Amino acid sequence: MKTAFTLLVLSTTLLGCSNSISPELNQCAQQNYQCERSCEMQNTPETMSLQVCTDKCIEQYNACKAQAEKITESKR
């Protein structure tokens, strides 16, 4: 859960001049939050299975973010 928020803040910071977060990037962050919440509900805290699950969420977020950045760049 903290990871999704951290990623969203970091993504916003990296966008620099942009005053708002792109809808695509916002959707990535929301999907990541839901993914991590699902991991937390399905796995025991502080276990390897939870870590593996959240790592997969982060990988999905990174792929989504890369796609969102391409879309954002093509709109400029």
N, C-alpha and C. Protein backbone atom coordinates (compact mmCIF):
# COMPACT_ATOMS: atom_id res chain seq x y z
N MET A 1 0.83 -1.18 0.00
CA MET A 1 0.00 0.00 0.00
C MET A 1 0.88 1.25 0.00
N LYS A 2 1.89 1.26 0.83
CA LYS A 2 2.80 2.39 0.87
C LYS A 2 3.54 2.53 -0.45
N THR A 3 3.82 1.40 -1.08
CA THR A 3 4.56 1.41 -2.33
C THR A 3 3.80 2.15 -3.42
N ALA A 4 2.50 1.90 -3.52
CA ALA A 4 1.70 2.57 -4.55
C ALA A 4 1.73 4.07 -4.37
N PHE A 5 1.58 4.53 -3.13
CA PHE A 5 1.61 5.96 -2.86
C PHE A 5 2.99 6.53 -3.18
N THR A 6 4.02 5.83 -2.76
CA THR A 6 5.39 6.27 -3.02
C THR A 6 5.65 6.35 -4.52
N LEU A 7 5.20 5.34 -5.26
CA LEU A 7 5.38 5.35 -6.71
C LEU A 7 4.63 6.50 -7.37
N LEU A 8 3.43 6.78 -6.88
CA LEU A 8 2.65 7.88 -7.44
C LEU A 8 3.34 9.21 -7.18
N VAL A 9 3.84 9.42 -5.97
CA VAL A 9 4.55 10.66 -5.63
C VAL A 9 5.82 10.77 -6.46
N LEU A 10 6.56 9.69 -6.57
CA LEU A 10 7.79 9.70 -7.35
C LEU A 10 7.50 9.98 -8.82
N SER A 11 6.47 9.36 -9.35
CA SER A 11 6.10 9.60 -10.75
C SER A 11 5.72 11.04 -10.98
N THR A 12 4.98 11.60 -10.04
CA THR A 12 4.57 13.00 -10.14
C THR A 12 5.79 13.91 -10.11
N THR A 13 6.73 13.61 -9.23
CA THR A 13 7.94 14.40 -9.12
C THR A 13 8.76 14.31 -10.41
N LEU A 14 8.86 13.13 -10.97
CA LEU A 14 9.64 12.94 -12.19
C LEU A 14 9.01 13.62 -13.40
N LEU A 15 7.72 13.85 -13.37
CA LEU A 15 7.06 14.51 -14.49
C LEU A 15 7.45 15.99 -14.56
N GLY A 16 7.94 16.51 -13.45
CA GLY A 16 8.48 17.86 -13.43
C GLY A 16 7.51 18.96 -13.74
N CYS A 17 7.57 19.50 -14.94
CA CYS A 17 6.82 20.68 -15.33
C CYS A 17 5.31 20.46 -15.38
N SER A 18 4.91 19.25 -15.53
CA SER A 18 3.49 18.97 -15.66
C SER A 18 2.74 19.31 -14.37
N ASN A 19 1.62 20.02 -14.52
CA ASN A 19 0.84 20.42 -13.35
C ASN A 19 -0.08 19.32 -12.86
N SER A 20 -0.38 18.37 -13.71
CA SER A 20 -1.29 17.30 -13.30
C SER A 20 -0.75 15.95 -13.76
N ILE A 21 -1.22 14.94 -13.07
CA ILE A 21 -0.84 13.58 -13.41
C ILE A 21 -1.71 13.14 -14.58
N SER A 22 -1.11 12.49 -15.55
CA SER A 22 -1.90 12.02 -16.69
C SER A 22 -2.91 10.98 -16.22
N PRO A 23 -4.05 10.92 -16.87
CA PRO A 23 -5.06 9.92 -16.50
C PRO A 23 -4.50 8.49 -16.61
N GLU A 24 -3.63 8.28 -17.59
CA GLU A 24 -3.05 6.95 -17.77
C GLU A 24 -2.16 6.57 -16.59
N LEU A 25 -1.34 7.51 -16.14
CA LEU A 25 -0.46 7.25 -15.01
C LEU A 25 -1.27 7.08 -13.72
N ASN A 26 -2.31 7.86 -13.58
CA ASN A 26 -3.19 7.73 -12.42
C ASN A 26 -3.83 6.34 -12.40
N GLN A 27 -4.23 5.85 -13.56
CA GLN A 27 -4.82 4.51 -13.64
C GLN A 27 -3.80 3.45 -13.24
N CYS A 28 -2.56 3.62 -13.66
CA CYS A 28 -1.50 2.68 -13.28
C CYS A 28 -1.35 2.63 -11.76
N ALA A 29 -1.35 3.80 -11.14
CA ALA A 29 -1.20 3.87 -9.68
C ALA A 29 -2.39 3.22 -8.98
N GLN A 30 -3.59 3.44 -9.50
CA GLN A 30 -4.78 2.82 -8.90
C GLN A 30 -4.72 1.30 -9.03
N GLN A 31 -4.32 0.82 -10.19
CA GLN A 31 -4.20 -0.63 -10.40
C GLN A 31 -3.15 -1.22 -9.46
N ASN A 32 -2.05 -0.49 -9.26
CA ASN A 32 -1.00 -0.95 -8.37
C ASN A 32 -1.51 -1.02 -6.94
N TYR A 33 -2.24 -0.02 -6.53
CA TYR A 33 -2.81 0.00 -5.18
C TYR A 33 -3.72 -1.21 -4.98
N GLN A 34 -4.60 -1.46 -5.94
CA GLN A 34 -5.52 -2.59 -5.84
C GLN A 34 -4.76 -3.92 -5.83
N CYS A 35 -3.73 -4.02 -6.63
CA CYS A 35 -2.91 -5.23 -6.68
C CYS A 35 -2.25 -5.49 -5.32
N GLU A 36 -1.67 -4.45 -4.75
CA GLU A 36 -0.99 -4.62 -3.46
C GLU A 36 -1.97 -4.93 -2.34
N ARG A 37 -3.14 -4.31 -2.38
CA ARG A 37 -4.18 -4.61 -1.37
C ARG A 37 -4.59 -6.07 -1.48
N SER A 38 -4.73 -6.55 -2.70
CA SER A 38 -5.09 -7.95 -2.92
C SER A 38 -4.00 -8.87 -2.35
N CYS A 39 -2.75 -8.51 -2.57
CA CYS A 39 -1.64 -9.29 -2.01
C CYS A 39 -1.73 -9.34 -0.49
N GLU A 40 -1.99 -8.19 0.11
CA GLU A 40 -2.06 -8.12 1.57
C GLU A 40 -3.21 -8.96 2.12
N MET A 41 -4.31 -9.02 1.39
CA MET A 41 -5.46 -9.78 1.86
C MET A 41 -5.28 -11.29 1.68
N GLN A 42 -4.49 -11.69 0.67
CA GLN A 42 -4.35 -13.11 0.35
C GLN A 42 -3.11 -13.76 0.96
N ASN A 43 -2.22 -12.97 1.55
CA ASN A 43 -0.97 -13.51 2.07
C ASN A 43 -0.74 -13.07 3.51
N THR A 44 0.02 -13.88 4.22
CA THR A 44 0.37 -13.57 5.60
C THR A 44 1.41 -12.44 5.60
N PRO A 45 1.24 -11.46 6.51
CA PRO A 45 2.21 -10.35 6.56
C PRO A 45 3.64 -10.86 6.78
N GLU A 46 4.56 -10.13 6.18
CA GLU A 46 6.00 -10.38 6.34
C GLU A 46 6.42 -11.80 5.94
N THR A 47 5.84 -12.29 4.86
CA THR A 47 6.23 -13.61 4.35
C THR A 47 6.79 -13.45 2.94
N MET A 48 7.47 -14.48 2.50
CA MET A 48 8.04 -14.47 1.15
C MET A 48 6.93 -14.41 0.10
N SER A 49 5.81 -15.08 0.36
CA SER A 49 4.71 -15.07 -0.62
C SER A 49 4.14 -13.66 -0.79
N LEU A 50 4.08 -12.90 0.28
CA LEU A 50 3.62 -11.51 0.18
C LEU A 50 4.62 -10.69 -0.63
N GLN A 51 5.89 -10.88 -0.36
CA GLN A 51 6.93 -10.14 -1.08
C GLN A 51 6.91 -10.45 -2.57
N VAL A 52 6.75 -11.73 -2.92
CA VAL A 52 6.68 -12.13 -4.33
C VAL A 52 5.47 -11.49 -5.00
N CYS A 53 4.35 -11.51 -4.30
CA CYS A 53 3.13 -10.92 -4.85
C CYS A 53 3.30 -9.42 -5.08
N THR A 54 3.81 -8.70 -4.10
CA THR A 54 3.98 -7.25 -4.26
C THR A 54 5.05 -6.92 -5.30
N ASP A 55 6.06 -7.78 -5.42
CA ASP A 55 7.07 -7.58 -6.48
C ASP A 55 6.42 -7.66 -7.86
N LYS A 56 5.48 -8.60 -8.02
CA LYS A 56 4.77 -8.72 -9.30
C LYS A 56 3.93 -7.46 -9.55
N CYS A 57 3.34 -6.92 -8.49
CA CYS A 57 2.57 -5.68 -8.63
C CYS A 57 3.46 -4.55 -9.12
N ILE A 58 4.64 -4.46 -8.56
CA ILE A 58 5.58 -3.40 -8.95
C ILE A 58 6.02 -3.58 -10.40
N GLU A 59 6.27 -4.82 -10.81
CA GLU A 59 6.64 -5.08 -12.21
C GLU A 59 5.52 -4.65 -13.15
N GLN A 60 4.28 -4.97 -12.77
CA GLN A 60 3.13 -4.57 -13.59
C GLN A 60 3.01 -3.05 -13.63
N TYR A 61 3.25 -2.40 -12.48
CA TYR A 61 3.18 -0.94 -12.43
C TYR A 61 4.24 -0.32 -13.34
N ASN A 62 5.45 -0.84 -13.28
CA ASN A 62 6.52 -0.29 -14.11
C ASN A 62 6.20 -0.41 -15.60
N ALA A 63 5.65 -1.55 -16.00
CA ALA A 63 5.26 -1.74 -17.40
C ALA A 63 4.13 -0.78 -17.78
N CYS A 64 3.17 -0.64 -16.90
CA CYS A 64 2.05 0.27 -17.13
C CYS A 64 2.55 1.71 -17.22
N LYS A 65 3.45 2.08 -16.33
CA LYS A 65 4.00 3.44 -16.31
C LYS A 65 4.75 3.74 -17.61
N ALA A 66 5.53 2.79 -18.09
CA ALA A 66 6.26 2.98 -19.35
C ALA A 66 5.28 3.21 -20.50
N GLN A 67 4.21 2.43 -20.52
CA GLN A 67 3.19 2.58 -21.56
C GLN A 67 2.50 3.94 -21.42
N ALA A 68 2.18 4.34 -20.19
CA ALA A 68 1.52 5.63 -19.94
C ALA A 68 2.40 6.79 -20.39
N GLU A 69 3.70 6.68 -20.14
CA GLU A 69 4.62 7.75 -20.55
C GLU A 69 4.69 7.86 -22.07
N LYS A 70 4.65 6.72 -22.78
CA LYS A 70 4.64 6.75 -24.24
C LYS A 70 3.38 7.44 -24.75
N ILE A 71 2.25 7.12 -24.14
CA ILE A 71 0.98 7.74 -24.54
C ILE A 71 1.02 9.24 -24.28
N THR A 72 1.52 9.62 -23.11
CA THR A 72 1.61 11.04 -22.75
C THR A 72 2.52 11.79 -23.71
N GLU A 73 3.66 11.19 -24.05
CA GLU A 73 4.59 11.83 -24.98
C GLU A 73 3.98 11.99 -26.37
N SER A 74 3.21 10.99 -26.80
CA SER A 74 2.61 11.07 -28.14
C SER A 74 1.52 12.13 -28.22
N LYS A 75 0.97 12.52 -27.08
CA LYS A 75 -0.07 13.56 -27.05
C LYS A 75 0.52 14.96 -27.12
N ARG A 76 1.81 15.08 -26.84
CA ARG A 76 2.45 16.41 -26.83
C ARG A 76 2.77 16.89 -28.21
